[in-house]
Amino acid sequence: TTAAPEASLNALPRADGSARYSYAGYTVTASVNGPIEAQRRDEHAYEA
């Protein structure tokens, strides 16, 4: 029997958004920043 998934939001205070997720033996933390100005090599004229 696998334990139920668990998640918490805003786990990191200095990011625009963040989350921590645990399930089936895996634990992952994510941070999201943006939309922010892109560097020239990543810039796309019509989309992010």
ModelCIF file with pLDDT and N, C-alpha, C, O atoms, coordinates in Angstrom:
data_MODEL
#
_entry.id   MODEL 
#
_entity.id                         1 
_entity.type                       polymer 
_entity.pdbx_number_of_molecules   1 
#
_entity_poly.entity_id                      1 
_entity_poly.type                           'polypeptide(L)' 
_entity_poly.nstd_linkage                   no 
_entity_poly.nstd_monomer                   no 
_entity_poly.pdbx_seq_one_letter_code       TTAAPEASLNALPRADGSARYSYAGYTVTASVNGPIEAQRRDEHAYEA 
_entity_poly.pdbx_seq_one_letter_code_can   TTAAPEASLNALPRADGSARYSYAGYTVTASVNGPIEAQRRDEHAYEA 
_entity_poly.pdbx_strand_id                 A 
#
loop_
_entity_poly_seq.entity_id 
_entity_poly_seq.num 
_entity_poly_seq.mon_id 
_entity_poly_seq.hetero 
1 1  THR n 
1 2  THR n 
1 3  ALA n 
1 4  ALA n 
1 5  PRO n 
1 6  GLU n 
1 7  ALA n 
1 8  SER n 
1 9  LEU n 
1 10 ASN n 
1 11 ALA n 
1 12 LEU n 
1 13 PRO n 
1 14 ARG n 
1 15 ALA n 
1 16 ASP n 
1 17 GLY n 
1 18 SER n 
1 19 ALA n 
1 20 ARG n 
1 21 TYR n 
1 22 SER n 
1 23 TYR n 
1 24 ALA n 
1 25 GLY n 
1 26 TYR n 
1 27 THR n 
1 28 VAL n 
1 29 THR n 
1 30 ALA n 
1 31 SER n 
1 32 VAL n 
1 33 ASN n 
1 34 GLY n 
1 35 PRO n 
1 36 ILE n 
1 37 GLU n 
1 38 ALA n 
1 39 GLN n 
1 40 ARG n 
1 41 ARG n 
1 42 ASP n 
1 43 GLU n 
1 44 HIS n 
1 45 ALA n 
1 46 TYR n 
1 47 GLU n 
1 48 ALA n 
#
_struct_asym.id          A 
_struct_asym.entity_id   1 
#
loop_
_ma_qa_metric.id 
_ma_qa_metric.mode 
_ma_qa_metric.name 
_ma_qa_metric.software_group_id 
_ma_qa_metric.type 
1 global pLDDT . pLDDT 
2 local  pLDDT . pLDDT 
#
_ma_qa_metric_global.metric_id      1 
_ma_qa_metric_global.metric_value   91.23 
_ma_qa_metric_global.model_id       1 
_ma_qa_metric_global.ordinal_id     1 
#
loop_
_ma_qa_metric_local.label_asym_id 
_ma_qa_metric_local.label_comp_id 
_ma_qa_metric_local.label_seq_id 
_ma_qa_metric_local.metric_id 
_ma_qa_metric_local.metric_value 
_ma_qa_metric_local.model_id 
_ma_qa_metric_local.ordinal_id 
A THR 1  2 56.00 1 1  
A THR 2  2 67.00 1 2  
A ALA 3  2 77.00 1 3  
A ALA 4  2 86.00 1 4  
A PRO 5  2 92.00 1 5  
A GLU 6  2 94.00 1 6  
A ALA 7  2 95.00 1 7  
A SER 8  2 93.00 1 8  
A LEU 9  2 94.00 1 9  
A ASN 10 2 91.00 1 10 
A ALA 11 2 86.00 1 11 
A LEU 12 2 92.00 1 12 
A PRO 13 2 89.00 1 13 
A ARG 14 2 91.00 1 14 
A ALA 15 2 95.00 1 15 
A ASP 16 2 96.00 1 16 
A GLY 17 2 95.00 1 17 
A SER 18 2 96.00 1 18 
A ALA 19 2 97.00 1 19 
A ARG 20 2 97.00 1 20 
A TYR 21 2 97.00 1 21 
A SER 22 2 96.00 1 22 
A TYR 23 2 94.00 1 23 
A ALA 24 2 89.00 1 24 
A GLY 25 2 90.00 1 25 
A TYR 26 2 94.00 1 26 
A THR 27 2 96.00 1 27 
A VAL 28 2 97.00 1 28 
A THR 29 2 98.00 1 29 
A ALA 30 2 98.00 1 30 
A SER 31 2 98.00 1 31 
A VAL 32 2 98.00 1 32 
A ASN 33 2 97.00 1 33 
A GLY 34 2 89.00 1 34 
A PRO 35 2 94.00 1 35 
A ILE 36 2 94.00 1 36 
A GLU 37 2 93.00 1 37 
A ALA 38 2 92.00 1 38 
A GLN 39 2 89.00 1 39 
A ARG 40 2 87.00 1 40 
A ARG 41 2 85.00 1 41 
A ASP 42 2 83.00 1 42 
A GLU 43 2 88.00 1 43 
A HIS 44 2 90.00 1 44 
A ALA 45 2 90.00 1 45 
A TYR 46 2 93.00 1 46 
A GLU 47 2 95.00 1 47 
A ALA 48 2 96.00 1 48 
#
loop_
_atom_site.group_PDB 
_atom_site.id 
_atom_site.type_symbol 
_atom_site.label_atom_id 
_atom_site.label_alt_id 
_atom_site.label_comp_id 
_atom_site.label_asym_id 
_atom_site.label_entity_id 
_atom_site.label_seq_id 
_atom_site.pdbx_PDB_ins_code 
_atom_site.Cartn_x 
_atom_site.Cartn_y 
_atom_site.Cartn_z 
_atom_site.occupancy 
_atom_site.B_iso_or_equiv 
_atom_site.pdbx_formal_charge 
_atom_site.auth_seq_id 
_atom_site.auth_comp_id 
_atom_site.auth_asym_id 
_atom_site.auth_atom_id 
_atom_site.pdbx_PDB_model_num 
ATOM 1   N N  . THR A 1 1  ? 0.831  -1.177 0.000   1.00 56.00 ? 1  THR A N  1 
ATOM 2   C CA . THR A 1 1  ? 0.000  0.000  0.000   1.00 56.00 ? 1  THR A CA 1 
ATOM 3   C C  . THR A 1 1  ? 0.874  1.238  0.000   1.00 56.00 ? 1  THR A C  1 
ATOM 4   O O  . THR A 1 1  ? 1.749  1.384  0.854   1.00 56.00 ? 1  THR A O  1 
ATOM 5   N N  . THR A 1 2  ? 0.646  2.124  -0.943  1.00 67.00 ? 2  THR A N  1 
ATOM 6   C CA . THR A 1 2  ? 1.419  3.355  -1.040  1.00 67.00 ? 2  THR A CA 1 
ATOM 7   C C  . THR A 1 2  ? 0.722  4.444  -0.264  1.00 67.00 ? 2  THR A C  1 
ATOM 8   O O  . THR A 1 2  ? -0.494 4.608  -0.374  1.00 67.00 ? 2  THR A O  1 
ATOM 9   N N  . ALA A 1 3  ? 1.481  5.200  0.529   1.00 77.00 ? 3  ALA A N  1 
ATOM 10  C CA . ALA A 1 3  ? 0.906  6.299  1.292   1.00 77.00 ? 3  ALA A CA 1 
ATOM 11  C C  . ALA A 1 3  ? 0.326  7.342  0.352   1.00 77.00 ? 3  ALA A C  1 
ATOM 12  O O  . ALA A 1 3  ? 0.752  7.467  -0.796  1.00 77.00 ? 3  ALA A O  1 
ATOM 13  N N  . ALA A 1 4  ? -0.649 8.088  0.850   1.00 86.00 ? 4  ALA A N  1 
ATOM 14  C CA . ALA A 1 4  ? -1.285 9.123  0.039   1.00 86.00 ? 4  ALA A CA 1 
ATOM 15  C C  . ALA A 1 4  ? -0.293 10.234 -0.277  1.00 86.00 ? 4  ALA A C  1 
ATOM 16  O O  . ALA A 1 4  ? 0.613  10.497 0.514   1.00 86.00 ? 4  ALA A O  1 
ATOM 17  N N  . PRO A 1 5  ? -0.455 10.891 -1.423  1.00 92.00 ? 5  PRO A N  1 
ATOM 18  C CA . PRO A 1 5  ? 0.449  11.997 -1.763  1.00 92.00 ? 5  PRO A CA 1 
ATOM 19  C C  . PRO A 1 5  ? 0.296  13.154 -0.789  1.00 92.00 ? 5  PRO A C  1 
ATOM 20  O O  . PRO A 1 5  ? -0.778 13.380 -0.231  1.00 92.00 ? 5  PRO A O  1 
ATOM 21  N N  . GLU A 1 6  ? 1.393  13.883 -0.596  1.00 94.00 ? 6  GLU A N  1 
ATOM 22  C CA . GLU A 1 6  ? 1.392  15.049 0.277   1.00 94.00 ? 6  GLU A CA 1 
ATOM 23  C C  . GLU A 1 6  ? 1.990  16.230 -0.467  1.00 94.00 ? 6  GLU A C  1 
ATOM 24  O O  . GLU A 1 6  ? 2.894  16.067 -1.286  1.00 94.00 ? 6  GLU A O  1 
ATOM 25  N N  . ALA A 1 7  ? 1.484  17.417 -0.177  1.00 95.00 ? 7  ALA A N  1 
ATOM 26  C CA . ALA A 1 7  ? 1.989  18.619 -0.842  1.00 95.00 ? 7  ALA A CA 1 
ATOM 27  C C  . ALA A 1 7  ? 1.857  19.814 0.081   1.00 95.00 ? 7  ALA A C  1 
ATOM 28  O O  . ALA A 1 7  ? 0.936  19.896 0.893   1.00 95.00 ? 7  ALA A O  1 
ATOM 29  N N  . SER A 1 8  ? 2.792  20.735 -0.056  1.00 93.00 ? 8  SER A N  1 
ATOM 30  C CA . SER A 1 8  ? 2.711  22.012 0.642   1.00 93.00 ? 8  SER A CA 1 
ATOM 31  C C  . SER A 1 8  ? 3.123  23.105 -0.337  1.00 93.00 ? 8  SER A C  1 
ATOM 32  O O  . SER A 1 8  ? 4.082  22.945 -1.092  1.00 93.00 ? 8  SER A O  1 
ATOM 33  N N  . LEU A 1 9  ? 2.395  24.209 -0.321  1.00 94.00 ? 9  LEU A N  1 
ATOM 34  C CA . LEU A 1 9  ? 2.675  25.330 -1.218  1.00 94.00 ? 9  LEU A CA 1 
ATOM 35  C C  . LEU A 1 9  ? 3.414  26.429 -0.476  1.00 94.00 ? 9  LEU A C  1 
ATOM 36  O O  . LEU A 1 9  ? 3.362  26.522 0.750   1.00 94.00 ? 9  LEU A O  1 
ATOM 37  N N  . ASN A 1 10 ? 4.104  27.262 -1.249  1.00 91.00 ? 10 ASN A N  1 
ATOM 38  C CA . ASN A 1 10 ? 4.906  28.361 -0.695  1.00 91.00 ? 10 ASN A CA 1 
ATOM 39  C C  . ASN A 1 10 ? 5.942  27.847 0.298   1.00 91.00 ? 10 ASN A C  1 
ATOM 40  O O  . ASN A 1 10 ? 6.127  28.423 1.370   1.00 91.00 ? 10 ASN A O  1 
ATOM 41  N N  . ALA A 1 11 ? 6.617  26.759 -0.069  1.00 86.00 ? 11 ALA A N  1 
ATOM 42  C CA . ALA A 1 11 ? 7.630  26.180 0.809   1.00 86.00 ? 11 ALA A CA 1 
ATOM 43  C C  . ALA A 1 11 ? 8.905  27.020 0.838   1.00 86.00 ? 11 ALA A C  1 
ATOM 44  O O  . ALA A 1 11 ? 9.668  26.946 1.802   1.00 86.00 ? 11 ALA A O  1 
ATOM 45  N N  . LEU A 1 12 ? 9.149  27.821 -0.208  1.00 92.00 ? 12 LEU A N  1 
ATOM 46  C CA . LEU A 1 12 ? 10.353 28.654 -0.286  1.00 92.00 ? 12 LEU A CA 1 
ATOM 47  C C  . LEU A 1 12 ? 9.946  30.127 -0.258  1.00 92.00 ? 12 LEU A C  1 
ATOM 48  O O  . LEU A 1 12 ? 9.168  30.557 -1.109  1.00 92.00 ? 12 LEU A O  1 
ATOM 49  N N  . PRO A 1 13 ? 10.447 30.907 0.690   1.00 89.00 ? 13 PRO A N  1 
ATOM 50  C CA . PRO A 1 13 ? 9.966  32.290 0.867   1.00 89.00 ? 13 PRO A CA 1 
ATOM 51  C C  . PRO A 1 13 ? 10.428 33.279 -0.190  1.00 89.00 ? 13 PRO A C  1 
ATOM 52  O O  . PRO A 1 13 ? 9.754  34.287 -0.406  1.00 89.00 ? 13 PRO A O  1 
ATOM 53  N N  . ARG A 1 14 ? 11.553 33.033 -0.859  1.00 91.00 ? 14 ARG A N  1 
ATOM 54  C CA . ARG A 1 14 ? 12.107 34.034 -1.768  1.00 91.00 ? 14 ARG A CA 1 
ATOM 55  C C  . ARG A 1 14 ? 11.762 33.795 -3.240  1.00 91.00 ? 14 ARG A C  1 
ATOM 56  O O  . ARG A 1 14 ? 12.286 34.487 -4.113  1.00 91.00 ? 14 ARG A O  1 
ATOM 57  N N  . ALA A 1 15 ? 10.914 32.854 -3.516  1.00 95.00 ? 15 ALA A N  1 
ATOM 58  C CA . ALA A 1 15 ? 10.491 32.587 -4.892  1.00 95.00 ? 15 ALA A CA 1 
ATOM 59  C C  . ALA A 1 15 ? 9.090  33.158 -5.117  1.00 95.00 ? 15 ALA A C  1 
ATOM 60  O O  . ALA A 1 15 ? 8.327  33.352 -4.171  1.00 95.00 ? 15 ALA A O  1 
ATOM 61  N N  . ASP A 1 16 ? 8.766  33.422 -6.386  1.00 96.00 ? 16 ASP A N  1 
ATOM 62  C CA . ASP A 1 16 ? 7.414  33.891 -6.707  1.00 96.00 ? 16 ASP A CA 1 
ATOM 63  C C  . ASP A 1 16 ? 6.376  32.832 -6.349  1.00 96.00 ? 16 ASP A C  1 
ATOM 64  O O  . ASP A 1 16 ? 5.257  33.160 -5.955  1.00 96.00 ? 16 ASP A O  1 
ATOM 65  N N  . GLY A 1 17 ? 6.746  31.575 -6.487  1.00 95.00 ? 17 GLY A N  1 
ATOM 66  C CA . GLY A 1 17 ? 5.880  30.468 -6.110  1.00 95.00 ? 17 GLY A CA 1 
ATOM 67  C C  . GLY A 1 17 ? 6.715  29.231 -5.868  1.00 95.00 ? 17 GLY A C  1 
ATOM 68  O O  . GLY A 1 17 ? 7.771  29.068 -6.480  1.00 95.00 ? 17 GLY A O  1 
ATOM 69  N N  . SER A 1 18 ? 6.264  28.359 -4.989  1.00 96.00 ? 18 SER A N  1 
ATOM 70  C CA . SER A 1 18 ? 7.039  27.150 -4.701  1.00 96.00 ? 18 SER A CA 1 
ATOM 71  C C  . SER A 1 18 ? 6.106  26.077 -4.168  1.00 96.00 ? 18 SER A C  1 
ATOM 72  O O  . SER A 1 18 ? 4.985  26.350 -3.741  1.00 96.00 ? 18 SER A O  1 
ATOM 73  N N  . ALA A 1 19 ? 6.608  24.838 -4.208  1.00 97.00 ? 19 ALA A N  1 
ATOM 74  C CA . ALA A 1 19 ? 5.823  23.705 -3.716  1.00 97.00 ? 19 ALA A CA 1 
ATOM 75  C C  . ALA A 1 19 ? 6.753  22.556 -3.376  1.00 97.00 ? 19 ALA A C  1 
ATOM 76  O O  . ALA A 1 19 ? 7.827  22.409 -3.958  1.00 97.00 ? 19 ALA A O  1 
ATOM 77  N N  . ARG A 1 20 ? 6.322  21.750 -2.429  1.00 97.00 ? 20 ARG A N  1 
ATOM 78  C CA . ARG A 1 20 ? 7.016  20.501 -2.101  1.00 97.00 ? 20 ARG A CA 1 
ATOM 79  C C  . ARG A 1 20 ? 5.999  19.379 -2.217  1.00 97.00 ? 20 ARG A C  1 
ATOM 80  O O  . ARG A 1 20 ? 4.887  19.474 -1.698  1.00 97.00 ? 20 ARG A O  1 
ATOM 81  N N  . TYR A 1 21 ? 6.398  18.309 -2.909  1.00 97.00 ? 21 TYR A N  1 
ATOM 82  C CA . TYR A 1 21 ? 5.476  17.204 -3.195  1.00 97.00 ? 21 TYR A CA 1 
ATOM 83  C C  . TYR A 1 21 ? 6.159  15.883 -2.858  1.00 97.00 ? 21 TYR A C  1 
ATOM 84  O O  . TYR A 1 21 ? 7.318  15.665 -3.209  1.00 97.00 ? 21 TYR A O  1 
ATOM 85  N N  . SER A 1 22 ? 5.431  15.008 -2.176  1.00 96.00 ? 22 SER A N  1 
ATOM 86  C CA . SER A 1 22 ? 5.969  13.695 -1.800  1.00 96.00 ? 22 SER A CA 1 
ATOM 87  C C  . SER A 1 22 ? 4.955  12.614 -2.130  1.00 96.00 ? 22 SER A C  1 
ATOM 88  O O  . SER A 1 22 ? 3.776  12.709 -1.787  1.00 96.00 ? 22 SER A O  1 
ATOM 89  N N  . TYR A 1 23 ? 5.445  11.584 -2.807  1.00 94.00 ? 23 TYR A N  1 
ATOM 90  C CA . TYR A 1 23 ? 4.573  10.444 -3.121  1.00 94.00 ? 23 TYR A CA 1 
ATOM 91  C C  . TYR A 1 23 ? 5.414  9.293  -3.662  1.00 94.00 ? 23 TYR A C  1 
ATOM 92  O O  . TYR A 1 23 ? 6.369  9.506  -4.409  1.00 94.00 ? 23 TYR A O  1 
ATOM 93  N N  . ALA A 1 24 ? 5.055  8.082  -3.280  1.00 89.00 ? 24 ALA A N  1 
ATOM 94  C CA . ALA A 1 24 ? 5.667  6.852  -3.799  1.00 89.00 ? 24 ALA A CA 1 
ATOM 95  C C  . ALA A 1 24 ? 7.184  6.834  -3.626  1.00 89.00 ? 24 ALA A C  1 
ATOM 96  O O  . ALA A 1 24 ? 7.899  6.300  -4.474  1.00 89.00 ? 24 ALA A O  1 
ATOM 97  N N  . GLY A 1 25 ? 7.677  7.412  -2.538  1.00 90.00 ? 25 GLY A N  1 
ATOM 98  C CA . GLY A 1 25 ? 9.101  7.396  -2.277  1.00 90.00 ? 25 GLY A CA 1 
ATOM 99  C C  . GLY A 1 25 ? 9.867  8.571  -2.841  1.00 90.00 ? 25 GLY A C  1 
ATOM 100 O O  . GLY A 1 25 ? 11.051 8.737  -2.547  1.00 90.00 ? 25 GLY A O  1 
ATOM 101 N N  . TYR A 1 26 ? 9.207  9.398  -3.655  1.00 94.00 ? 26 TYR A N  1 
ATOM 102 C CA . TYR A 1 26 ? 9.851  10.569 -4.246  1.00 94.00 ? 26 TYR A CA 1 
ATOM 103 C C  . TYR A 1 26 ? 9.439  11.830 -3.493  1.00 94.00 ? 26 TYR A C  1 
ATOM 104 O O  . TYR A 1 26 ? 8.270  11.996 -3.143  1.00 94.00 ? 26 TYR A O  1 
ATOM 105 N N  . THR A 1 27 ? 10.396 12.711 -3.247  1.00 96.00 ? 27 THR A N  1 
ATOM 106 C CA . THR A 1 27 ? 10.130 14.031 -2.688  1.00 96.00 ? 27 THR A CA 1 
ATOM 107 C C  . THR A 1 27 ? 10.836 15.054 -3.561  1.00 96.00 ? 27 THR A C  1 
ATOM 108 O O  . THR A 1 27 ? 12.040 14.963 -3.800  1.00 96.00 ? 27 THR A O  1 
ATOM 109 N N  . VAL A 1 28 ? 10.067 16.030 -4.033  1.00 97.00 ? 28 VAL A N  1 
ATOM 110 C CA . VAL A 1 28 ? 10.600 17.048 -4.942  1.00 97.00 ? 28 VAL A CA 1 
ATOM 111 C C  . VAL A 1 28 ? 10.152 18.421 -4.461  1.00 97.00 ? 28 VAL A C  1 
ATOM 112 O O  . VAL A 1 28 ? 9.004  18.601 -4.054  1.00 97.00 ? 28 VAL A O  1 
ATOM 113 N N  . THR A 1 29 ? 11.061 19.385 -4.510  1.00 98.00 ? 29 THR A N  1 
ATOM 114 C CA . THR A 1 29 ? 10.735 20.774 -4.207  1.00 98.00 ? 29 THR A CA 1 
ATOM 115 C C  . THR A 1 29 ? 10.950 21.606 -5.462  1.00 98.00 ? 29 THR A C  1 
ATOM 116 O O  . THR A 1 29 ? 11.951 21.445 -6.160  1.00 98.00 ? 29 THR A O  1 
ATOM 117 N N  . ALA A 1 30 ? 10.003 22.498 -5.743  1.00 98.00 ? 30 ALA A N  1 
ATOM 118 C CA . ALA A 1 30 ? 10.082 23.330 -6.945  1.00 98.00 ? 30 ALA A CA 1 
ATOM 119 C C  . ALA A 1 30 ? 9.938  24.795 -6.584  1.00 98.00 ? 30 ALA A C  1 
ATOM 120 O O  . ALA A 1 30 ? 9.218  25.156 -5.653  1.00 98.00 ? 30 ALA A O  1 
ATOM 121 N N  . SER A 1 31 ? 10.637 25.635 -7.339  1.00 98.00 ? 31 SER A N  1 
ATOM 122 C CA . SER A 1 31 ? 10.463 27.083 -7.240  1.00 98.00 ? 31 SER A CA 1 
ATOM 123 C C  . SER A 1 31 ? 10.159 27.621 -8.627  1.00 98.00 ? 31 SER A C  1 
ATOM 124 O O  . SER A 1 31 ? 10.677 27.123 -9.626  1.00 98.00 ? 31 SER A O  1 
ATOM 125 N N  . VAL A 1 32 ? 9.315  28.641 -8.678  1.00 98.00 ? 32 VAL A N  1 
ATOM 126 C CA . VAL A 1 32 ? 8.941  29.280 -9.939  1.00 98.00 ? 32 VAL A CA 1 
ATOM 127 C C  . VAL A 1 32 ? 9.187  30.783 -9.810  1.00 98.00 ? 32 VAL A C  1 
ATOM 128 O O  . VAL A 1 32 ? 8.768  31.410 -8.837  1.00 98.00 ? 32 VAL A O  1 
ATOM 129 N N  . ASN A 1 33 ? 9.860  31.343 -10.791 1.00 97.00 ? 33 ASN A N  1 
ATOM 130 C CA . ASN A 1 33 ? 10.069 32.788 -10.858 1.00 97.00 ? 33 ASN A CA 1 
ATOM 131 C C  . ASN A 1 33 ? 9.698  33.267 -12.250 1.00 97.00 ? 33 ASN A C  1 
ATOM 132 O O  . ASN A 1 33 ? 10.097 32.675 -13.253 1.00 97.00 ? 33 ASN A O  1 
ATOM 133 N N  . GLY A 1 34 ? 8.936  34.336 -12.297 1.00 89.00 ? 34 GLY A N  1 
ATOM 134 C CA . GLY A 1 34 ? 8.551  34.891 -13.575 1.00 89.00 ? 34 GLY A CA 1 
ATOM 135 C C  . GLY A 1 34 ? 7.061  35.142 -13.663 1.00 89.00 ? 34 GLY A C  1 
ATOM 136 O O  . GLY A 1 34 ? 6.301  34.833 -12.745 1.00 89.00 ? 34 GLY A O  1 
ATOM 137 N N  . PRO A 1 35 ? 6.656  35.717 -14.800 1.00 94.00 ? 35 PRO A N  1 
ATOM 138 C CA . PRO A 1 35 ? 7.487  36.047 -15.956 1.00 94.00 ? 35 PRO A CA 1 
ATOM 139 C C  . PRO A 1 35 ? 8.457  37.196 -15.660 1.00 94.00 ? 35 PRO A C  1 
ATOM 140 O O  . PRO A 1 35 ? 8.087  38.201 -15.054 1.00 94.00 ? 35 PRO A O  1 
ATOM 141 N N  . ILE A 1 36 ? 9.707  37.021 -16.104 1.00 94.00 ? 36 ILE A N  1 
ATOM 142 C CA . ILE A 1 36 ? 10.732 38.037 -15.972 1.00 94.00 ? 36 ILE A CA 1 
ATOM 143 C C  . ILE A 1 36 ? 11.356 38.280 -17.345 1.00 94.00 ? 36 ILE A C  1 
ATOM 144 O O  . ILE A 1 36 ? 11.181 37.484 -18.267 1.00 94.00 ? 36 ILE A O  1 
ATOM 145 N N  . GLU A 1 37 ? 12.083 39.384 -17.468 1.00 93.00 ? 37 GLU A N  1 
ATOM 146 C CA . GLU A 1 37 ? 12.686 39.723 -18.762 1.00 93.00 ? 37 GLU A CA 1 
ATOM 147 C C  . GLU A 1 37 ? 13.686 38.646 -19.175 1.00 93.00 ? 37 GLU A C  1 
ATOM 148 O O  . GLU A 1 37 ? 14.527 38.226 -18.381 1.00 93.00 ? 37 GLU A O  1 
ATOM 149 N N  . ALA A 1 38 ? 13.584 38.215 -20.406 1.00 92.00 ? 38 ALA A N  1 
ATOM 150 C CA . ALA A 1 38 ? 14.451 37.150 -20.910 1.00 92.00 ? 38 ALA A CA 1 
ATOM 151 C C  . ALA A 1 38 ? 15.761 37.720 -21.437 1.00 92.00 ? 38 ALA A C  1 
ATOM 152 O O  . ALA A 1 38 ? 15.810 38.842 -21.941 1.00 92.00 ? 38 ALA A O  1 
ATOM 153 N N  . GLN A 1 39 ? 16.818 36.929 -21.312 1.00 89.00 ? 39 GLN A N  1 
ATOM 154 C CA . GLN A 1 39 ? 18.076 37.295 -21.938 1.00 89.00 ? 39 GLN A CA 1 
ATOM 155 C C  . GLN A 1 39 ? 17.946 37.152 -23.451 1.00 89.00 ? 39 GLN A C  1 
ATOM 156 O O  . GLN A 1 39 ? 17.040 36.485 -23.949 1.00 89.00 ? 39 GLN A O  1 
ATOM 157 N N  . ARG A 1 40 ? 18.848 37.778 -24.158 1.00 87.00 ? 40 ARG A N  1 
ATOM 158 C CA . ARG A 1 40 ? 18.756 37.800 -25.622 1.00 87.00 ? 40 ARG A CA 1 
ATOM 159 C C  . ARG A 1 40 ? 18.700 36.385 -26.210 1.00 87.00 ? 40 ARG A C  1 
ATOM 160 O O  . ARG A 1 40 ? 17.956 36.158 -27.164 1.00 87.00 ? 40 ARG A O  1 
ATOM 161 N N  . ARG A 1 41 ? 19.457 35.438 -25.673 1.00 85.00 ? 41 ARG A N  1 
ATOM 162 C CA . ARG A 1 41 ? 19.503 34.090 -26.256 1.00 85.00 ? 41 ARG A CA 1 
ATOM 163 C C  . ARG A 1 41 ? 18.210 33.317 -26.004 1.00 85.00 ? 41 ARG A C  1 
ATOM 164 O O  . ARG A 1 41 ? 17.901 32.382 -26.743 1.00 85.00 ? 41 ARG A O  1 
ATOM 165 N N  . ASP A 1 42 ? 17.441 33.696 -24.963 1.00 83.00 ? 42 ASP A N  1 
ATOM 166 C CA . ASP A 1 42 ? 16.182 33.008 -24.651 1.00 83.00 ? 42 ASP A CA 1 
ATOM 167 C C  . ASP A 1 42 ? 14.961 33.786 -25.119 1.00 83.00 ? 42 ASP A C  1 
ATOM 168 O O  . ASP A 1 42 ? 13.831 33.323 -24.967 1.00 83.00 ? 42 ASP A O  1 
ATOM 169 N N  . GLU A 1 43 ? 15.181 34.949 -25.680 1.00 88.00 ? 43 GLU A N  1 
ATOM 170 C CA . GLU A 1 43 ? 14.063 35.832 -26.028 1.00 88.00 ? 43 GLU A CA 1 
ATOM 171 C C  . GLU A 1 43 ? 13.288 35.314 -27.227 1.00 88.00 ? 43 GLU A C  1 
ATOM 172 O O  . GLU A 1 43 ? 13.864 34.907 -28.236 1.00 88.00 ? 43 GLU A O  1 
ATOM 173 N N  . HIS A 1 44 ? 11.968 35.340 -27.092 1.00 90.00 ? 44 HIS A N  1 
ATOM 174 C CA . HIS A 1 44 ? 11.083 34.979 -28.203 1.00 90.00 ? 44 HIS A CA 1 
ATOM 175 C C  . HIS A 1 44 ? 10.131 36.151 -28.415 1.00 90.00 ? 44 HIS A C  1 
ATOM 176 O O  . HIS A 1 44 ? 9.550  36.669 -27.461 1.00 90.00 ? 44 HIS A O  1 
ATOM 177 N N  . ALA A 1 45 ? 9.977  36.561 -29.661 1.00 90.00 ? 45 ALA A N  1 
ATOM 178 C CA . ALA A 1 45 ? 9.217  37.775 -29.956 1.00 90.00 ? 45 ALA A CA 1 
ATOM 179 C C  . ALA A 1 45 ? 7.735  37.658 -29.634 1.00 90.00 ? 45 ALA A C  1 
ATOM 180 O O  . ALA A 1 45 ? 7.076  38.671 -29.402 1.00 90.00 ? 45 ALA A O  1 
ATOM 181 N N  . TYR A 1 46 ? 7.199  36.442 -29.614 1.00 93.00 ? 46 TYR A N  1 
ATOM 182 C CA . TYR A 1 46 ? 5.750  36.301 -29.496 1.00 93.00 ? 46 TYR A CA 1 
ATOM 183 C C  . TYR A 1 46 ? 5.291  35.491 -28.289 1.00 93.00 ? 46 TYR A C  1 
ATOM 184 O O  . TYR A 1 46 ? 4.088  35.376 -28.059 1.00 93.00 ? 46 TYR A O  1 
ATOM 185 N N  . GLU A 1 47 ? 6.202  34.933 -27.524 1.00 95.00 ? 47 GLU A N  1 
ATOM 186 C CA . GLU A 1 47 ? 5.774  34.125 -26.386 1.00 95.00 ? 47 GLU A CA 1 
ATOM 187 C C  . GLU A 1 47 ? 6.894  34.018 -25.356 1.00 95.00 ? 47 GLU A C  1 
ATOM 188 O O  . GLU A 1 47 ? 8.048  34.345 -25.631 1.00 95.00 ? 47 GLU A O  1 
ATOM 189 N N  . ALA A 1 48 ? 6.526  33.556 -24.169 1.00 96.00 ? 48 ALA A N  1 
ATOM 190 C CA . ALA A 1 48 ? 7.497  33.384 -23.093 1.00 96.00 ? 48 ALA A CA 1 
ATOM 191 C C  . ALA A 1 48 ? 8.264  32.078 -23.283 1.00 96.00 ? 48 ALA A C  1 
ATOM 192 O O  . ALA A 1 48 ? 9.133  31.750 -22.475 1.00 96.00 ? 48 ALA A O  1 
#
